Amino acid sequence: MDSFEKNVTFVIVSFKSDHIIERCIKSIKPNVKIIIVENSDNVNVKNYLENKFSNVEVVIAKENLGYGRGNNLGISKVNTQYAFILNPDAVLEDNCLPELYKAQLLLKGDFTILAPNLLNNYGFFSDKNNDLQKEIIEVDYVKGFAMLINLKKINFQKIFDENFFLFLEEIDLCKRIRENSGKIFVIQNSKVQHLGKQASGDSLNIKLCRNWHWMWSLYYYNCKHFGSLVAYKITLYKFISSLIKMIIAILFLKKEKYLIHRYRLLGLINAYQGKNSWLRPSYLNKFNYGKK
C-alpha cells in the first residue's frame, strides 16, 4: 500500500475554493503528493496552503484555465505513474485509496481509469463481463470529480481536450480512451463524498456561466464525435425550449430565468458559429447581477 501511495499524485483544480479545499486536503494522507492548480492570481492561497500542508504544491495559473486545461497543467507536473483527479469539493472516505489499491492489484495494472463510487452517481454501465468480483465494474465513462488515471496507459499529447472550458471534458476523455481500447472501472467499495457546486459558489454569474458552457459543450462534444448533423439534432430541441422559456420569463418579469435561458441560447449560438468557449465569470462580473 505504501508503494502505491508513493506512486499517486493528486491533481486538484481550484478557482477561489480556499473556503472548502482544506477539508479535501485533510482527507488525503499527508504522505501523498498533492498538486493544486489555482485558476486565479491569488498568491495568498499558495503561501497559506503550502505553509500549512507539507505535501501540497500550489501552481498559480494567473487566469481561469477551466477544468481540462487546468488539469493538463497539473498533470504535466506529475512524476508518478498515477494522477488522481479530484475536485476541491470532494472528500475521500478512509477506504478510498485502499480499495483502489486492491483493485489495481486484481486488475494487474490493466486499466486506464479507476474511479471511486458515489451513491446514485453512475447510472450507465457497459455490458462487459466482470469476472474478477462484483465490486469492480467496467464502465464506458466516469464523472470527473474523482478518478485515478494510469498515465502509462495514456498516449494522448494532452489528456483533456482544452477546447472545453467546463462540462463533458471527462466524458470526452473516457470516449477517446475506450476508442483506443482502454479500460475504465468503477470500484464500488471505494468511497468518496462530492458536495457539488461548493467549489465555485452559486451566484447568478456562476449560474449563467455554467448554463452557457453546458450548451456550448453539449454541441461541441456531439459535433466532435458524431458530426454536426447529430449535434444540431440533439441541441435543436434545447434551443427552442430555451427560447420559449426566455419569452415566458420576459412576460412574467422573471429576470433570473430570463438571463439563464438567454445565456443558454448564447452558448449554443457560439457553438453553432464555431467560436471557442470564451465566456468567463470575470466577464459577467462587470454586469454586477449579484446573488438571488
Protein backbone atom coordinates (compact mmCIF):
# COMPACT_ATOMS: atom_id res chain seq x y z
CA MET A 1 0.00 0.00 0.00
CA ASP A 2 2.86 2.41 0.83
CA SER A 3 4.43 1.91 -2.58
CA PHE A 4 1.05 2.55 -4.22
CA GLU A 5 0.55 5.80 -2.28
CA LYS A 6 4.04 6.96 -3.27
CA ASN A 7 3.07 6.32 -6.89
CA VAL A 8 -0.05 8.54 -6.73
CA THR A 9 -0.19 12.32 -7.12
CA PHE A 10 -3.45 14.17 -6.57
CA VAL A 11 -4.28 16.96 -9.02
CA ILE A 12 -6.89 19.44 -7.79
CA VAL A 13 -8.03 22.34 -9.95
CA SER A 14 -9.32 25.18 -7.82
CA PHE A 15 -10.92 28.53 -8.52
CA LYS A 16 -11.03 30.63 -5.36
CA SER A 17 -12.02 27.50 -3.43
CA ASP A 18 -9.95 28.21 -0.31
CA HIS A 19 -13.17 28.17 1.74
CA ILE A 20 -13.63 24.46 1.11
CA ILE A 21 -10.41 22.93 -0.18
CA GLU A 22 -8.85 22.31 3.24
CA ARG A 23 -11.42 19.62 4.01
CA CYS A 24 -10.48 17.95 0.75
CA ILE A 25 -6.76 18.10 1.50
CA LYS A 26 -7.21 16.73 5.03
CA SER A 27 -9.00 13.65 3.64
CA ILE A 28 -5.77 12.71 1.79
CA LYS A 29 -2.89 11.11 3.72
CA PRO A 30 -0.02 13.56 4.39
CA ASN A 31 2.48 11.21 2.70
CA VAL A 32 0.67 11.54 -0.65
CA LYS A 33 1.70 14.34 -3.02
CA ILE A 34 -0.93 16.96 -3.94
CA ILE A 35 -0.66 19.47 -6.79
CA ILE A 36 -3.25 22.25 -6.71
CA VAL A 37 -3.75 24.40 -9.79
CA GLU A 38 -5.29 27.66 -8.63
CA ASN A 39 -7.13 29.18 -11.60
CA SER A 40 -6.60 32.73 -10.39
CA ASP A 41 -3.73 35.05 -9.48
CA ASN A 42 -4.23 34.64 -5.73
CA VAL A 43 -0.70 34.05 -4.44
CA ASN A 44 -2.02 34.17 -0.85
CA VAL A 45 -3.68 30.79 -1.44
CA LYS A 46 -0.32 29.32 -2.47
CA ASN A 47 1.51 30.73 0.53
CA TYR A 48 -1.16 29.65 3.00
CA LEU A 49 -1.67 26.08 1.76
CA GLU A 50 2.00 25.30 1.15
CA ASN A 51 2.89 26.55 4.65
CA LYS A 52 0.11 24.54 6.27
CA PHE A 53 0.46 21.26 4.33
CA SER A 54 3.92 19.83 3.62
CA ASN A 55 2.62 17.54 0.84
CA VAL A 56 0.95 20.36 -1.13
CA GLU A 57 2.35 22.27 -4.10
CA VAL A 58 0.21 25.11 -5.47
CA VAL A 59 0.60 26.27 -9.06
CA ILE A 60 -0.83 29.74 -9.71
CA ALA A 61 -2.33 29.75 -13.19
CA LYS A 62 -2.83 33.56 -13.16
CA GLU A 63 -6.00 33.13 -15.23
CA ASN A 64 -9.07 30.90 -15.25
CA LEU A 65 -7.92 27.98 -17.39
CA GLY A 66 -11.03 25.89 -16.82
CA TYR A 67 -11.23 22.24 -15.78
CA GLY A 68 -9.48 20.49 -18.67
CA ARG A 69 -6.63 22.92 -19.27
CA GLY A 70 -6.06 23.30 -15.53
CA ASN A 71 -5.82 19.53 -15.07
CA ASN A 72 -3.46 19.25 -18.03
CA LEU A 73 -1.20 21.81 -16.36
CA GLY A 74 -1.28 19.89 -13.08
CA ILE A 75 -0.68 16.53 -14.77
CA SER A 76 2.33 17.96 -16.62
CA LYS A 77 3.99 18.32 -13.20
CA VAL A 78 3.20 14.78 -12.04
CA ASN A 79 6.18 12.43 -11.71
CA THR A 80 4.25 9.35 -10.55
CA GLN A 81 2.51 6.62 -12.54
CA TYR A 82 -0.94 7.62 -11.33
CA ALA A 83 -2.63 11.02 -11.33
CA PHE A 84 -5.72 11.22 -9.14
CA ILE A 85 -8.00 13.96 -10.49
CA LEU A 86 -10.09 15.37 -7.64
CA ASN A 87 -12.47 18.29 -7.24
CA PRO A 88 -11.82 20.66 -4.32
CA ASP A 89 -15.35 19.97 -3.05
CA ALA A 90 -14.77 16.19 -2.86
CA VAL A 91 -13.74 14.33 0.29
CA LEU A 92 -12.17 10.86 0.35
CA GLU A 93 -13.56 8.23 2.69
CA ASP A 94 -10.96 6.23 4.63
CA ASN A 95 -11.36 3.23 2.33
CA CYS A 96 -10.99 5.16 -0.93
CA LEU A 97 -7.31 4.59 -1.71
CA PRO A 98 -7.04 1.13 -0.06
CA GLU A 99 -9.89 -0.19 -2.24
CA LEU A 100 -8.36 1.36 -5.36
CA TYR A 101 -5.07 -0.29 -4.41
CA LYS A 102 -6.75 -3.69 -4.09
CA ALA A 103 -8.48 -3.18 -7.44
CA GLN A 104 -5.28 -2.29 -9.28
CA LEU A 105 -3.67 -5.46 -7.89
CA LEU A 106 -6.59 -7.61 -9.04
CA LEU A 107 -6.59 -5.94 -12.45
CA LYS A 108 -2.78 -6.33 -12.64
CA GLY A 109 -2.48 -2.75 -13.88
CA ASP A 110 -4.68 -3.41 -16.91
CA PHE A 111 -6.75 -0.24 -16.69
CA THR A 112 -6.61 3.37 -17.77
CA ILE A 113 -9.01 4.85 -15.20
CA LEU A 114 -10.25 3.67 -11.81
CA ALA A 115 -12.95 5.73 -10.14
CA PRO A 116 -14.30 5.58 -6.60
CA ASN A 117 -18.00 5.17 -6.16
CA LEU A 118 -20.66 7.67 -5.14
CA LEU A 119 -24.21 6.60 -4.43
CA ASN A 120 -26.55 7.36 -7.38
CA ASN A 121 -23.70 8.88 -9.39
CA TYR A 122 -23.20 6.19 -12.03
CA GLY A 123 -26.27 5.07 -13.93
CA PHE A 124 -24.74 3.69 -17.12
CA PHE A 125 -22.60 0.58 -17.12
CA SER A 126 -21.21 -1.29 -20.10
CA ASP A 127 -22.25 -4.87 -20.78
CA LYS A 128 -18.73 -6.21 -20.27
CA ASN A 129 -18.31 -9.38 -18.25
CA ASN A 130 -16.98 -8.60 -14.79
CA ASP A 131 -15.22 -11.84 -13.87
CA LEU A 132 -12.98 -10.51 -11.12
CA GLN A 133 -15.54 -9.56 -8.50
CA LYS A 134 -18.77 -7.64 -8.29
CA GLU A 135 -17.26 -4.52 -6.77
CA ILE A 136 -15.13 -3.93 -9.87
CA ILE A 137 -17.43 -2.79 -12.66
CA GLU A 138 -16.26 -1.90 -16.15
CA VAL A 139 -17.99 1.23 -17.45
CA ASP A 140 -17.98 3.44 -20.50
CA TYR A 141 -17.35 6.65 -18.59
CA VAL A 142 -16.91 8.14 -15.14
CA LYS A 143 -17.56 11.59 -13.74
CA GLY A 144 -14.59 13.93 -13.46
CA PHE A 145 -14.79 14.88 -9.79
CA ALA A 146 -12.72 11.85 -8.72
CA MET A 147 -10.75 9.48 -10.93
CA LEU A 148 -7.37 7.74 -10.85
CA ILE A 149 -5.62 7.88 -14.23
CA ASN A 150 -2.92 5.37 -15.14
CA LEU A 151 -0.58 7.68 -17.05
CA LYS A 152 1.33 4.73 -18.54
CA LYS A 153 -1.81 3.79 -20.46
CA ILE A 154 -2.40 7.27 -21.91
CA ASN A 155 -0.80 8.14 -25.22
CA PHE A 156 -2.56 11.45 -25.88
CA GLN A 157 -0.37 14.52 -26.21
CA LYS A 158 -2.80 16.34 -23.91
CA ILE A 159 -5.05 14.24 -21.72
CA PHE A 160 -8.02 16.62 -21.65
CA ASP A 161 -9.33 18.44 -24.72
CA GLU A 162 -8.65 22.08 -23.87
CA ASN A 163 -11.38 23.34 -26.19
CA PHE A 164 -13.78 22.52 -23.37
CA PHE A 165 -13.80 25.04 -20.54
CA LEU A 166 -16.47 23.41 -18.41
CA PHE A 167 -18.58 20.23 -18.74
CA LEU A 168 -18.11 16.98 -20.67
CA GLU A 169 -14.29 17.09 -20.70
CA GLU A 170 -14.10 13.82 -18.74
CA ILE A 171 -16.79 12.18 -20.88
CA ASP A 172 -14.79 13.15 -23.96
CA LEU A 173 -11.62 11.72 -22.37
CA CYS A 174 -13.36 8.46 -21.50
CA LYS A 175 -14.72 8.10 -25.02
CA ARG A 176 -11.27 8.59 -26.53
CA ILE A 177 -9.81 6.07 -24.06
CA ARG A 178 -12.44 3.49 -24.98
CA GLU A 179 -11.86 4.09 -28.68
CA ASN A 180 -8.19 3.28 -28.02
CA SER A 181 -9.12 0.01 -26.27
CA GLY A 182 -8.54 1.44 -22.80
CA LYS A 183 -10.44 0.09 -19.79
CA ILE A 184 -12.37 2.16 -17.26
CA PHE A 185 -13.67 0.80 -13.96
CA VAL A 186 -15.76 1.97 -11.02
CA ILE A 187 -14.66 0.43 -7.71
CA GLN A 188 -17.86 0.21 -5.73
CA ASN A 189 -16.23 -0.29 -2.31
CA SER A 190 -14.03 2.79 -2.76
CA LYS A 191 -16.00 5.75 -1.48
CA VAL A 192 -15.86 9.50 -1.94
CA GLN A 193 -18.18 12.31 -0.96
CA HIS A 194 -18.92 15.02 -3.51
CA LEU A 195 -20.50 18.14 -2.11
CA GLY A 196 -21.30 19.56 -5.56
CA LYS A 197 -21.09 23.22 -6.67
CA GLN A 198 -19.41 24.13 -3.38
CA ALA A 199 -16.08 24.90 -5.01
CA SER A 200 -17.09 27.81 -7.22
CA GLY A 201 -20.15 29.11 -5.42
CA ASP A 202 -23.67 29.54 -6.75
CA SER A 203 -24.01 33.23 -7.59
CA LEU A 204 -26.07 34.26 -10.58
CA ASN A 205 -22.89 34.96 -12.53
CA ILE A 206 -21.71 31.39 -11.93
CA LYS A 207 -25.13 30.02 -12.92
CA LEU A 208 -25.07 31.98 -16.16
CA CYS A 209 -21.56 30.80 -16.95
CA ARG A 210 -22.48 27.18 -16.21
CA ASN A 211 -25.55 27.31 -18.45
CA TRP A 212 -23.63 28.95 -21.29
CA HIS A 213 -20.86 26.35 -21.16
CA TRP A 214 -23.21 23.39 -20.75
CA MET A 215 -24.90 24.22 -24.05
CA TRP A 216 -21.61 25.04 -25.80
CA SER A 217 -20.00 21.81 -24.61
CA LEU A 218 -23.04 19.70 -25.48
CA TYR A 219 -22.90 20.82 -29.10
CA TYR A 220 -19.10 20.66 -29.33
CA TYR A 221 -18.90 17.15 -27.84
CA ASN A 222 -21.51 15.71 -30.17
CA CYS A 223 -20.13 17.52 -33.19
CA LYS A 224 -16.63 16.25 -32.43
CA HIS A 225 -17.64 12.61 -32.05
CA PHE A 226 -20.77 12.20 -34.18
CA GLY A 227 -20.76 15.07 -36.67
CA SER A 228 -22.55 18.42 -36.96
CA LEU A 229 -25.87 16.95 -38.14
CA VAL A 230 -26.21 14.83 -35.00
CA ALA A 231 -25.09 17.75 -32.84
CA TYR A 232 -27.71 20.05 -34.38
CA LYS A 233 -30.39 17.41 -33.93
CA ILE A 234 -29.54 16.86 -30.26
CA THR A 235 -29.41 20.58 -29.40
CA LEU A 236 -32.25 21.94 -31.56
CA TYR A 237 -34.95 21.00 -29.03
CA LYS A 238 -32.94 22.63 -26.24
CA PHE A 239 -32.55 25.78 -28.34
CA ILE A 240 -36.30 26.03 -28.98
CA SER A 241 -37.12 25.19 -25.37
CA SER A 242 -34.81 27.90 -24.01
CA LEU A 243 -36.17 30.43 -26.49
CA ILE A 244 -39.75 29.76 -25.36
CA LYS A 245 -38.79 29.85 -21.67
CA MET A 246 -36.92 33.12 -22.18
CA ILE A 247 -40.01 34.72 -23.74
CA ILE A 248 -42.21 33.45 -20.89
CA ALA A 249 -39.73 34.84 -18.35
CA ILE A 250 -39.93 38.25 -20.05
CA LEU A 251 -43.73 38.20 -19.90
CA PHE A 252 -43.74 37.29 -16.21
CA LEU A 253 -40.81 39.59 -15.31
CA LYS A 254 -38.61 36.72 -14.10
CA LYS A 255 -35.21 38.32 -14.54
CA GLU A 256 -33.06 35.40 -13.38
CA LYS A 257 -34.86 32.83 -15.54
CA TYR A 258 -34.67 35.20 -18.50
CA LEU A 259 -30.92 35.59 -18.07
CA ILE A 260 -30.30 31.86 -17.62
CA HIS A 261 -32.14 30.91 -20.81
CA ARG A 262 -30.63 33.83 -22.69
CA TYR A 263 -27.16 32.58 -21.83
CA ARG A 264 -28.11 29.02 -22.76
CA LEU A 265 -29.09 30.33 -26.18
CA LEU A 266 -25.92 32.39 -26.48
CA GLY A 267 -23.79 29.36 -25.62
CA LEU A 268 -25.44 27.33 -28.37
CA ILE A 269 -25.23 30.16 -30.90
CA ASN A 270 -21.50 30.49 -30.22
CA ALA A 271 -21.06 26.74 -30.71
CA TYR A 272 -23.11 26.78 -33.93
CA GLN A 273 -20.84 29.55 -35.22
CA GLY A 274 -17.72 27.53 -34.43
CA LYS A 275 -16.50 30.03 -31.81
CA ASN A 276 -14.40 28.87 -28.87
CA SER A 277 -15.67 28.55 -25.29
CA TRP A 278 -14.67 32.09 -24.38
CA LEU A 279 -17.12 33.09 -21.62
CA ARG A 280 -15.62 33.51 -18.12
CA PRO A 281 -17.18 34.50 -14.78
CA SER A 282 -14.93 37.59 -14.71
CA TYR A 283 -16.61 38.81 -17.90
CA LEU A 284 -20.01 38.59 -16.23
CA ASN A 285 -18.85 40.32 -13.05
CA LYS A 286 -18.86 43.74 -14.72
CA PHE A 287 -22.63 43.47 -15.14
CA ASN A 288 -22.96 43.08 -11.37
CA TYR A 289 -26.01 40.82 -11.42
CA GLY A 290 -25.34 39.85 -7.82
CA LYS A 291 -26.95 36.99 -5.95
CA LYS A 292 -30.54 35.97 -5.85
